[in-house]
C-alpha atoms as a PDB file:
ATOM      1  CA  MET A   1     -22.218 234.725  83.361  1.00  0.00           C
ATOM      2  CA  PHE A   2     -20.992 234.786  86.847  1.00  0.00           C
ATOM      3  CA  TRP A   3     -20.005 231.002  86.812  1.00  0.00           C
ATOM      4  CA  GLN A   4     -18.206 231.512  83.458  1.00  0.00           C
ATOM      5  CA  VAL A   5     -16.083 234.318  85.072  1.00  0.00           C
ATOM      6  CA  VAL A   6     -15.357 232.064  88.077  1.00  0.00           C
ATOM      7  CA  GLU A   7     -14.220 229.115  85.756  1.00  0.00           C
ATOM      8  CA  GLY A   8     -11.789 231.575  84.072  1.00  0.00           C
ATOM      9  CA  MET A   9     -10.092 232.426  87.274  1.00  0.00           C
ATOM     10  CA  ASP A  10      -7.014 230.782  88.737  1.00  0.00           C
ATOM     11  CA  ALA A  11      -6.814 228.973  92.120  1.00  0.00           C
ATOM     12  CA  LYS A  12      -5.733 232.182  93.987  1.00  0.00           C
ATOM     13  CA  GLN A  13      -8.482 234.326  92.504  1.00  0.00           C
ATOM     14  CA  ARG A  14     -11.187 231.692  93.377  1.00  0.00           C
ATOM     15  CA  SER A  15      -9.845 231.574  96.847  1.00  0.00           C
ATOM     16  CA  MET A  16      -9.985 235.439  97.342  1.00  0.00           C
ATOM     17  CA  LEU A  17     -13.526 235.350  96.049  1.00  0.00           C
ATOM     18  CA  LEU A  18     -14.536 232.614  98.358  1.00  0.00           C
ATOM     19  CA  LYS A  19     -13.032 234.603 101.222  1.00  0.00           C
ATOM     20  CA  PHE A  20     -14.964 237.694 100.215  1.00  0.00           C
ATOM     21  CA  VAL A  21     -18.307 235.856 100.085  1.00  0.00           C
ATOM     22  CA  THR A  22     -17.695 233.369 103.066  1.00  0.00           C
ATOM     23  CA  SER A  23     -14.906 234.779 105.075  1.00  0.00           C
ATOM     24  CA  CYS A  24     -13.041 231.453 104.514  1.00  0.00           C
ATOM     25  CA  SER A  25     -10.414 230.944 101.885  1.00  0.00           C
ATOM     26  CA  ARG A  26     -11.113 227.253 101.472  1.00  0.00           C
ATOM     27  CA  ALA A  27     -14.126 225.108 100.648  1.00  0.00           C
ATOM     28  CA  PRO A  28     -15.508 222.984 103.606  1.00  0.00           C
ATOM     29  CA  ILE A  29     -13.686 219.626 104.059  1.00  0.00           C
ATOM     30  CA  LEU A  30     -16.707 217.689 102.830  1.00  0.00           C
ATOM     31  CA  GLY A  31     -17.538 220.023  99.946  1.00  0.00           C
ATOM     32  CA  PHE A  32     -19.933 222.849  99.298  1.00  0.00           C
ATOM     33  CA  LYS A  33     -22.895 220.597 100.276  1.00  0.00           C
ATOM     34  CA  ASP A  34     -21.909 221.109 103.729  1.00  0.00           C
ATOM     35  CA  LEU A  35     -21.687 224.810 103.696  1.00  0.00           C
ATOM     36  CA  TYR A  36     -24.078 226.368 105.999  1.00  0.00           C
ATOM     37  CA  PRO A  37     -25.891 228.689 105.188  1.00  0.00           C
ATOM     38  CA  PRO A  38     -25.392 227.624 101.476  1.00  0.00           C
ATOM     39  CA  PHE A  39     -23.485 229.981  99.231  1.00  0.00           C
ATOM     40  CA  ASN A  40     -25.919 232.090  97.396  1.00  0.00           C
ATOM     41  CA  ILE A  41     -26.104 235.025  94.932  1.00  0.00           C
ATOM     42  CA  HIS A  42     -28.676 237.864  95.325  1.00  0.00           C
ATOM     43  CA  GLN A  43     -29.172 240.358  92.367  1.00  0.00           C
ATOM     44  CA  ALA A  44     -28.497 243.826  93.409  1.00  0.00           C
ATOM     45  CA  HIS A  45     -30.121 246.585  91.262  1.00  0.00           C
ATOM     46  CA  ASP A  46     -27.508 249.355  90.698  1.00  0.00           C
ATOM     47  CA  ASP A  47     -24.798 248.162  88.130  1.00  0.00           C
ATOM     48  CA  THR A  48     -22.853 251.268  89.014  1.00  0.00           C
ATOM     49  CA  ARG A  49     -21.848 249.890  92.302  1.00  0.00           C
ATOM     50  CA  LEU A  50     -19.249 247.157  93.153  1.00  0.00           C
ATOM     51  CA  PRO A  51     -20.311 243.697  94.404  1.00  0.00           C
ATOM     52  CA  THR A  52     -20.805 243.371  98.186  1.00  0.00           C
ATOM     53  CA  SER A  53     -21.367 240.362 100.436  1.00  0.00           C
ATOM     54  CA  SER A  54     -22.866 239.264 103.721  1.00  0.00           C
ATOM     55  CA  THR A  55     -20.413 236.860 105.062  1.00  0.00           C
ATOM     56  CA  CYS A  56     -22.537 235.766 107.951  1.00  0.00           C
ATOM     57  CA  ILE A  57     -25.105 234.170 105.307  1.00  0.00           C
ATOM     58  CA  ASN A  58     -22.574 233.448 102.521  1.00  0.00           C
ATOM     59  CA  GLN A  59     -24.225 235.826 100.154  1.00  0.00           C
ATOM     60  CA  LEU A  60     -22.908 237.606  97.273  1.00  0.00           C
ATOM     61  CA  LYS A  61     -24.711 240.749  96.301  1.00  0.00           C
ATOM     62  CA  LEU A  62     -24.092 241.113  92.517  1.00  0.00           C
ATOM     63  CA  PRO A  63     -25.239 243.936  90.353  1.00  0.00           C
ATOM     64  CA  PRO A  64     -26.198 243.005  86.905  1.00  0.00           C
ATOM     65  CA  TYR A  65     -23.123 244.019  84.953  1.00  0.00           C
ATOM     66  CA  LYS A  66     -23.611 244.041  81.009  1.00  0.00           C
ATOM     67  CA  ASP A  67     -20.443 241.986  80.195  1.00  0.00           C
ATOM     68  CA  MET A  68     -18.188 239.344  81.509  1.00  0.00           C
ATOM     69  CA  LYS A  69     -15.190 241.761  81.503  1.00  0.00           C
ATOM     70  CA  SER A  70     -16.876 244.288  83.683  1.00  0.00           C
ATOM     71  CA  LEU A  71     -18.004 241.592  86.168  1.00  0.00           C
ATOM     72  CA  LYS A  72     -14.456 240.118  86.386  1.00  0.00           C
ATOM     73  CA  GLU A  73     -13.061 243.586  86.923  1.00  0.00           C
ATOM     74  CA  LYS A  74     -15.323 244.424  89.748  1.00  0.00           C
ATOM     75  CA  LEU A  75     -15.097 241.261  91.428  1.00  0.00           C
ATOM     76  CA  MET A  76     -11.322 241.265  91.384  1.00  0.00           C
ATOM     77  CA  TYR A  77     -11.355 244.928  92.650  1.00  0.00           C
ATOM     78  CA  ASP A  78     -13.427 243.796  95.566  1.00  0.00           C
ATOM     79  CA  THR A  79     -11.568 240.595  96.372  1.00  0.00           C
ATOM     80  CA  ARG A  80      -8.189 242.581  96.517  1.00  0.00           C
ATOM     81  CA  ALA A  81      -9.460 245.161  98.917  1.00  0.00           C
END
């Protein structure tokens, strides 16, 4: 579901999401294969909370939202903050 939401984002939203997770708004010059540590998603357990990130390890901590609308709203709220 996460990747479906990302596919529906425009370039600016994707850039904001990338910055939220990695602290860089652009992908590495040679692509994500050279991102170190690699981008990863950790499942958080409380779906009442917003997603969080650990930029030092390029990790998105994502609660298990029930639908794509909720997931996108929460991600967009976080990335604009």
